[in-house]
Structures are given as structure tokens and as C-alpha cells.
Amino acid sequence: MSEKVFQAGITRESGYLYFLDKKGFICKVKMARGHGGSKPSPARIMQTNIIRQPGFLYYVDKGGDVSMVKMSRSGRKKQSVNKKVARKKTLIESNP
């Protein structure tokens, strides 16, 4: 499950998306509705000094605190390069 990393205690406003940027700031941006208009720039709210770990998703939870959870990597697994090369050779050899 998730683990709290930083207690910020931010009061969230409706209509805004809250996220943690690459530099460790908690930012908010107005949610996009429809296809028109330009992208609004995010406003920095608070600095957290969090050092991100690879493979984890960082988000602002309902309580206004920063939490992290391990990313689920599902989907089709990639084939190795050796299997692809061997498969191509057999297809070429079978079709003279």
C-alpha cells in the first residue's frame, strides 16, 4: 500500500490538480476542461526536499500530504534481442 513521505497539510481546492514535480515542489494547476485554450503554468505551493526513488509514484493524498506507492508495471513483457534475431533467421531460411 502507500506510505506517507511528507506531512504538508495542504487544503485542496476543487478544480485543481496537485502533484510533486521533479525538483521536489508541491505544485497545483487548474484542471483542463475541453480542448480549447492554452496550458496554464503550475503554481509552486511548498518545497519538500524529497529525493525520489525509481519505481515509485509520488502523489498528494486526500489529507494534503505527500505519499508514495510502488508502481505496478503490467502489460506484455518485451522479448529479448536474441529471440528476435533467431526468429528472423528461421523465417528467412524457410522461405527460399
Protein backbone atom coordinates (compact mmCIF):
# COMPACT_ATOMS: atom_id res chain seq x y z
CA MET A 1 0.00 0.00 0.00
CA SER A 2 1.03 3.63 0.21
CA GLU A 3 3.43 5.22 2.64
CA LYS A 4 3.38 8.85 3.80
CA VAL A 5 6.64 10.56 2.98
CA PHE A 6 6.00 14.21 3.89
CA GLN A 7 3.27 15.82 6.01
CA ALA A 8 2.32 19.05 4.27
CA GLY A 9 -1.28 19.50 5.44
CA ILE A 10 -2.37 21.32 2.28
CA THR A 11 -6.04 22.22 1.96
CA ARG A 12 -7.06 21.16 -1.52
CA GLU A 13 -9.30 23.30 -3.71
CA SER A 14 -11.73 21.67 -6.13
CA GLY A 15 -10.87 22.04 -9.81
CA TYR A 16 -7.09 21.84 -9.26
CA LEU A 17 -4.62 19.01 -9.81
CA TYR A 18 -1.92 18.64 -7.14
CA PHE A 19 1.37 16.88 -7.90
CA LEU A 20 5.04 16.66 -6.95
CA ASP A 21 7.39 17.99 -9.63
CA LYS A 22 10.91 16.76 -10.46
CA LYS A 23 12.60 19.27 -8.17
CA GLY A 24 10.53 18.25 -5.12
CA PHE A 25 7.99 21.08 -5.04
CA ILE A 26 4.28 20.51 -4.45
CA CYS A 27 2.52 22.23 -7.34
CA LYS A 28 -1.07 22.89 -8.34
CA VAL A 29 -2.55 23.56 -11.76
CA LYS A 30 -6.10 24.18 -12.92
CA MET A 31 -7.60 21.05 -14.47
CA ALA A 32 -8.17 21.15 -18.23
CA ARG A 33 -11.78 21.07 -19.36
CA GLY A 34 -12.32 20.60 -23.07
CA HIS A 35 -9.83 21.04 -25.89
CA GLY A 36 -9.57 24.82 -26.20
CA GLY A 37 -7.24 27.29 -24.60
CA SER A 38 -3.61 27.27 -23.62
CA LYS A 39 -1.98 25.22 -20.88
CA PRO A 40 -1.81 27.09 -17.57
CA SER A 41 1.56 27.04 -15.84
CA PRO A 42 1.71 25.22 -12.49
CA ALA A 43 1.98 27.25 -9.29
CA ARG A 44 4.51 26.06 -6.70
CA ILE A 45 3.00 25.78 -3.23
CA MET A 46 5.64 24.22 -0.96
CA GLN A 47 9.15 22.76 -1.11
CA THR A 48 9.51 19.23 0.30
CA ASN A 49 13.19 18.24 -0.24
CA ILE A 50 12.07 14.70 -1.16
CA ILE A 51 14.60 12.58 -3.04
CA ARG A 52 12.65 10.38 -5.43
CA GLN A 53 13.31 6.66 -5.68
CA PRO A 54 12.94 4.99 -9.09
CA GLY A 55 9.92 2.70 -9.47
CA PHE A 56 7.69 4.68 -7.08
CA LEU A 57 4.79 7.05 -7.76
CA TYR A 58 4.58 10.19 -5.60
CA TYR A 59 1.24 11.95 -5.15
CA VAL A 60 -0.64 14.36 -2.88
CA ASP A 61 -3.29 12.37 -0.98
CA LYS A 62 -6.71 13.47 0.31
CA GLY A 63 -5.22 14.74 3.56
CA GLY A 64 -2.85 17.07 1.69
CA ASP A 65 0.25 15.01 2.47
CA VAL A 66 2.76 13.50 0.03
CA SER A 67 2.58 9.71 -0.26
CA MET A 68 4.43 7.16 -2.33
CA VAL A 69 3.41 3.79 -3.74
CA LYS A 70 5.28 1.20 -5.80
CA MET A 71 4.33 1.46 -9.49
CA SER A 72 2.61 -1.55 -10.99
CA ARG A 73 4.26 -2.47 -14.25
CA SER A 74 1.78 -4.69 -16.03
CA GLY A 75 1.35 -5.50 -19.68
CA ARG A 76 3.12 -7.61 -22.23
CA LYS A 77 6.75 -8.40 -21.46
CA LYS A 78 9.38 -7.41 -24.02
CA GLN A 79 11.18 -10.14 -25.98
CA SER A 80 14.92 -10.33 -25.70
CA VAL A 81 17.04 -9.32 -28.70
CA ASN A 82 18.45 -12.84 -29.17
CA LYS A 83 14.98 -14.37 -29.62
CA LYS A 84 14.04 -11.78 -32.26
CA VAL A 85 17.22 -12.41 -34.28
CA ALA A 86 16.78 -16.20 -34.13
CA ARG A 87 13.15 -15.91 -35.22
CA LYS A 88 14.09 -13.74 -38.23
CA LYS A 89 16.78 -16.24 -39.31
CA THR A 90 14.34 -19.16 -39.23
CA LEU A 91 11.78 -17.22 -41.26
CA ILE A 92 14.38 -16.28 -43.90
CA GLU A 93 15.73 -19.83 -44.15
CA SER A 94 12.27 -21.36 -44.53
CA ASN A 95 11.32 -19.02 -47.43
CA PRO A 96 13.96 -19.55 -50.22
